[in-house]
Amino acid sequence: LRDTMVRAVLPNGYCGLPEKQVCSAVPSPCLSCPFFKTTPSFLPIHIRQRDDSMREIDLARKDGRERAVEAHTQTVERLDIIIEGLNKTMSDGSEA
């Protein structure tokens, strides 16, 4: 199985999409993609990305940009799940 997968390194994890499949999220990886993989070594990047999204939510609210608020809120929710999972992995002492 490992031989049939291309593991592209992303800024915040790895893409495990099989080589012959096409990604519709290019150029920005989708945090909810089932092929997205990450490890605790990327935790600081996820936390920084979440903090950036929180700031964007505040700015969008001030400007009345509700669609931007919704988009960044979804990003924060996905990052919360990822961060929680990585923190659990680290506290369990297991690999992601």
N, C-alpha and C. Protein backbone atom coordinates (compact mmCIF):
# COMPACT_ATOMS: atom_id res chain seq x y z
N LEU A 1 0.83 -1.20 0.00
CA LEU A 1 0.00 0.00 0.00
C LEU A 1 0.87 1.25 0.00
N ARG A 2 1.92 1.23 0.82
CA ARG A 2 2.80 2.39 0.92
C ARG A 2 3.43 2.73 -0.43
N ASP A 3 3.72 1.71 -1.23
CA ASP A 3 4.36 1.93 -2.53
C ASP A 3 3.44 2.59 -3.54
N THR A 4 2.14 2.51 -3.34
CA THR A 4 1.19 3.08 -4.31
C THR A 4 0.78 4.49 -3.96
N MET A 5 1.34 5.05 -2.91
CA MET A 5 0.93 6.39 -2.48
C MET A 5 2.08 7.37 -2.62
N VAL A 6 1.74 8.57 -3.04
CA VAL A 6 2.72 9.65 -3.11
C VAL A 6 2.49 10.52 -1.89
N ARG A 7 3.50 10.71 -1.10
CA ARG A 7 3.35 11.52 0.10
C ARG A 7 3.98 12.87 -0.15
N ALA A 8 3.17 13.81 -0.58
CA ALA A 8 3.65 15.16 -0.81
C ALA A 8 3.76 15.87 0.53
N VAL A 9 4.87 16.53 0.76
CA VAL A 9 5.05 17.28 1.99
C VAL A 9 4.33 18.62 1.84
N LEU A 10 3.48 18.93 2.80
CA LEU A 10 2.73 20.18 2.85
C LEU A 10 3.29 21.01 3.99
N PRO A 11 2.95 22.28 4.07
CA PRO A 11 3.44 23.10 5.18
C PRO A 11 2.98 22.63 6.55
N ASN A 12 1.85 21.89 6.58
CA ASN A 12 1.28 21.49 7.86
C ASN A 12 1.02 20.00 7.97
N GLY A 13 1.63 19.20 7.11
CA GLY A 13 1.42 17.76 7.16
C GLY A 13 1.85 17.10 5.86
N TYR A 14 1.13 16.04 5.51
CA TYR A 14 1.45 15.26 4.31
C TYR A 14 0.17 14.96 3.55
N CYS A 15 0.27 14.85 2.25
CA CYS A 15 -0.86 14.42 1.44
C CYS A 15 -0.68 12.95 1.14
N GLY A 16 -1.63 12.15 1.51
CA GLY A 16 -1.57 10.72 1.27
C GLY A 16 -2.44 10.29 0.10
N LEU A 17 -2.83 11.24 -0.76
CA LEU A 17 -3.67 10.95 -1.91
C LEU A 17 -2.94 9.98 -2.84
N PRO A 18 -3.59 8.89 -3.23
CA PRO A 18 -2.95 7.97 -4.17
C PRO A 18 -2.51 8.69 -5.44
N GLU A 19 -1.41 8.24 -6.01
CA GLU A 19 -0.77 8.91 -7.13
C GLU A 19 -1.70 9.13 -8.32
N LYS A 20 -2.59 8.20 -8.58
CA LYS A 20 -3.44 8.28 -9.77
C LYS A 20 -4.71 9.09 -9.55
N GLN A 21 -4.93 9.59 -8.37
CA GLN A 21 -6.12 10.41 -8.11
C GLN A 21 -5.77 11.88 -8.21
N VAL A 22 -6.76 12.68 -8.58
CA VAL A 22 -6.55 14.11 -8.75
C VAL A 22 -7.12 14.84 -7.54
N CYS A 23 -6.35 15.80 -7.02
CA CYS A 23 -6.78 16.58 -5.87
C CYS A 23 -7.54 17.81 -6.36
N SER A 24 -8.71 18.03 -5.81
CA SER A 24 -9.50 19.21 -6.18
C SER A 24 -9.21 20.38 -5.27
N ALA A 25 -8.37 20.18 -4.26
CA ALA A 25 -8.09 21.25 -3.29
C ALA A 25 -6.83 22.03 -3.64
N VAL A 26 -6.15 21.67 -4.71
CA VAL A 26 -4.91 22.35 -5.10
C VAL A 26 -5.23 23.80 -5.42
N PRO A 27 -4.46 24.80 -5.05
CA PRO A 27 -3.14 24.68 -4.46
C PRO A 27 -3.14 24.66 -2.94
N SER A 28 -4.28 24.80 -2.31
CA SER A 28 -4.32 24.86 -0.85
C SER A 28 -4.96 23.58 -0.30
N PRO A 29 -4.23 22.83 0.51
CA PRO A 29 -4.79 21.58 1.02
C PRO A 29 -5.98 21.83 1.93
N CYS A 30 -6.96 20.99 1.79
CA CYS A 30 -8.19 21.12 2.58
C CYS A 30 -8.03 20.38 3.90
N LEU A 31 -8.27 21.05 4.97
CA LEU A 31 -8.09 20.47 6.30
C LEU A 31 -9.05 19.32 6.58
N SER A 32 -10.13 19.23 5.83
CA SER A 32 -11.07 18.14 6.05
C SER A 32 -10.89 17.00 5.04
N CYS A 33 -9.87 17.08 4.20
CA CYS A 33 -9.63 16.05 3.19
C CYS A 33 -9.23 14.74 3.87
N PRO A 34 -9.84 13.62 3.48
CA PRO A 34 -9.51 12.35 4.11
C PRO A 34 -8.08 11.89 3.82
N PHE A 35 -7.43 12.48 2.85
CA PHE A 35 -6.05 12.10 2.52
C PHE A 35 -5.02 12.96 3.23
N PHE A 36 -5.47 13.98 3.95
CA PHE A 36 -4.55 14.84 4.68
C PHE A 36 -4.04 14.12 5.92
N LYS A 37 -2.74 14.09 6.09
CA LYS A 37 -2.11 13.46 7.25
C LYS A 37 -1.19 14.47 7.92
N THR A 38 -1.08 14.40 9.22
CA THR A 38 -0.20 15.31 9.94
C THR A 38 0.37 14.59 11.16
N THR A 39 1.36 15.20 11.77
CA THR A 39 2.01 14.62 12.95
C THR A 39 2.21 15.72 13.98
N PRO A 40 2.54 15.34 15.22
CA PRO A 40 2.78 16.36 16.24
C PRO A 40 3.88 17.35 15.89
N SER A 41 4.78 16.99 15.00
CA SER A 41 5.84 17.94 14.63
C SER A 41 5.28 19.18 13.94
N PHE A 42 4.07 19.08 13.40
CA PHE A 42 3.42 20.21 12.74
C PHE A 42 2.51 21.01 13.67
N LEU A 43 2.40 20.61 14.93
CA LEU A 43 1.50 21.26 15.88
C LEU A 43 1.69 22.77 15.96
N PRO A 44 2.92 23.29 16.05
CA PRO A 44 3.07 24.74 16.10
C PRO A 44 2.51 25.46 14.87
N ILE A 45 2.59 24.82 13.72
CA ILE A 45 2.05 25.42 12.50
C ILE A 45 0.53 25.46 12.57
N HIS A 46 -0.08 24.38 13.05
CA HIS A 46 -1.54 24.36 13.18
C HIS A 46 -2.02 25.40 14.18
N ILE A 47 -1.32 25.54 15.27
CA ILE A 47 -1.70 26.55 16.28
C ILE A 47 -1.57 27.95 15.70
N ARG A 48 -0.49 28.22 14.99
CA ARG A 48 -0.31 29.53 14.37
C ARG A 48 -1.39 29.79 13.31
N GLN A 49 -1.72 28.76 12.53
CA GLN A 49 -2.76 28.89 11.52
C GLN A 49 -4.12 29.17 12.18
N ARG A 50 -4.38 28.52 13.32
CA ARG A 50 -5.64 28.76 14.05
C ARG A 50 -5.66 30.20 14.58
N ASP A 51 -4.55 30.66 15.15
CA ASP A 51 -4.49 32.04 15.65
C ASP A 51 -4.70 33.04 14.53
N ASP A 52 -4.10 32.79 13.38
CA ASP A 52 -4.29 33.67 12.21
C ASP A 52 -5.75 33.70 11.78
N SER A 53 -6.39 32.55 11.77
CA SER A 53 -7.80 32.48 11.39
C SER A 53 -8.69 33.21 12.39
N MET A 54 -8.34 33.12 13.66
CA MET A 54 -9.11 33.85 14.68
C MET A 54 -9.02 35.36 14.45
N ARG A 55 -7.81 35.84 14.12
CA ARG A 55 -7.65 37.27 13.81
C ARG A 55 -8.45 37.65 12.58
N GLU A 56 -8.46 36.78 11.57
CA GLU A 56 -9.22 37.06 10.35
C GLU A 56 -10.72 37.11 10.64
N ILE A 57 -11.19 36.28 11.55
CA ILE A 57 -12.60 36.32 11.95
C ILE A 57 -12.93 37.69 12.55
N ASP A 58 -12.09 38.16 13.45
CA ASP A 58 -12.31 39.47 14.07
C ASP A 58 -12.34 40.58 13.03
N LEU A 59 -11.39 40.56 12.11
CA LEU A 59 -11.34 41.59 11.06
C LEU A 59 -12.56 41.52 10.15
N ALA A 60 -12.95 40.31 9.78
CA ALA A 60 -14.11 40.14 8.90
C ALA A 60 -15.39 40.60 9.58
N ARG A 61 -15.52 40.31 10.87
CA ARG A 61 -16.70 40.77 11.61
C ARG A 61 -16.78 42.29 11.63
N LYS A 62 -15.63 42.93 11.88
CA LYS A 62 -15.59 44.40 11.91
C LYS A 62 -15.98 44.99 10.57
N ASP A 63 -15.61 44.30 9.48
CA ASP A 63 -15.91 44.78 8.13
C ASP A 63 -17.26 44.32 7.61
N GLY A 64 -17.96 43.50 8.39
CA GLY A 64 -19.26 43.00 7.96
C GLY A 64 -19.18 41.94 6.86
N ARG A 65 -18.09 41.24 6.79
CA ARG A 65 -17.91 40.20 5.76
C ARG A 65 -18.29 38.84 6.34
N GLU A 66 -19.58 38.54 6.30
CA GLU A 66 -20.09 37.33 6.94
C GLU A 66 -19.61 36.05 6.29
N ARG A 67 -19.45 36.03 4.97
CA ARG A 67 -18.96 34.80 4.33
C ARG A 67 -17.52 34.51 4.75
N ALA A 68 -16.72 35.55 4.92
CA ALA A 68 -15.35 35.36 5.39
C ALA A 68 -15.35 34.85 6.83
N VAL A 69 -16.26 35.39 7.65
CA VAL A 69 -16.39 34.92 9.04
C VAL A 69 -16.71 33.43 9.04
N GLU A 70 -17.67 33.03 8.20
CA GLU A 70 -18.07 31.63 8.14
C GLU A 70 -16.91 30.73 7.67
N ALA A 71 -16.21 31.16 6.65
CA ALA A 71 -15.10 30.36 6.12
C ALA A 71 -14.00 30.19 7.16
N HIS A 72 -13.63 31.27 7.83
CA HIS A 72 -12.57 31.19 8.84
C HIS A 72 -13.03 30.42 10.07
N THR A 73 -14.31 30.50 10.40
CA THR A 73 -14.85 29.74 11.52
C THR A 73 -14.75 28.24 11.23
N GLN A 74 -15.05 27.84 10.00
CA GLN A 74 -14.92 26.43 9.64
C GLN A 74 -13.46 25.99 9.72
N THR A 75 -12.54 26.85 9.31
CA THR A 75 -11.12 26.54 9.41
C THR A 75 -10.72 26.34 10.86
N VAL A 76 -11.17 27.23 11.74
CA VAL A 76 -10.85 27.13 13.17
C VAL A 76 -11.41 25.83 13.74
N GLU A 77 -12.63 25.48 13.37
CA GLU A 77 -13.24 24.24 13.87
C GLU A 77 -12.43 23.03 13.45
N ARG A 78 -11.99 23.00 12.19
CA ARG A 78 -11.19 21.87 11.70
C ARG A 78 -9.84 21.83 12.40
N LEU A 79 -9.23 23.00 12.57
CA LEU A 79 -7.93 23.06 13.25
C LEU A 79 -8.05 22.65 14.71
N ASP A 80 -9.16 23.02 15.36
CA ASP A 80 -9.38 22.59 16.75
C ASP A 80 -9.37 21.07 16.86
N ILE A 81 -10.01 20.40 15.90
CA ILE A 81 -10.05 18.94 15.90
C ILE A 81 -8.64 18.37 15.69
N ILE A 82 -7.91 18.94 14.74
CA ILE A 82 -6.55 18.49 14.46
C ILE A 82 -5.65 18.71 15.67
N ILE A 83 -5.71 19.90 16.24
CA ILE A 83 -4.86 20.24 17.40
C ILE A 83 -5.19 19.33 18.58
N GLU A 84 -6.48 19.12 18.83
CA GLU A 84 -6.89 18.24 19.93
C GLU A 84 -6.36 16.82 19.71
N GLY A 85 -6.46 16.32 18.49
CA GLY A 85 -5.97 14.98 18.18
C GLY A 85 -4.47 14.87 18.34
N LEU A 86 -3.74 15.88 17.89
CA LEU A 86 -2.28 15.85 18.02
C LEU A 86 -1.86 15.95 19.48
N ASN A 87 -2.54 16.78 20.25
CA ASN A 87 -2.23 16.87 21.68
C ASN A 87 -2.51 15.54 22.38
N LYS A 88 -3.59 14.87 22.00
CA LYS A 88 -3.91 13.56 22.58
C LYS A 88 -2.83 12.55 22.20
N THR A 89 -2.41 12.57 20.95
CA THR A 89 -1.35 11.68 20.49
C THR A 89 -0.09 11.87 21.30
N MET A 90 0.27 13.12 21.55
CA MET A 90 1.48 13.42 22.31
C MET A 90 1.35 12.97 23.76
N SER A 91 0.18 13.17 24.35
CA SER A 91 0.00 12.79 25.75
C SER A 91 -0.09 11.26 25.90
N ASP A 92 -0.56 10.57 24.86
CA ASP A 92 -0.61 9.10 24.88
C ASP A 92 0.75 8.49 24.58
N GLY A 93 1.64 9.30 23.99
CA GLY A 93 2.95 8.80 23.63
C GLY A 93 2.95 7.95 22.38
N SER A 94 1.85 8.04 21.60
CA SER A 94 1.77 7.25 20.38
C SER A 94 2.04 8.12 19.16
N GLU A 95 2.23 7.49 18.01
CA GLU A 95 2.50 8.19 16.76
C GLU A 95 1.20 8.52 16.07
N ALA A 96 1.19 9.65 15.29
CA ALA A 96 0.01 10.01 14.49
C ALA A 96 0.05 9.30 13.17
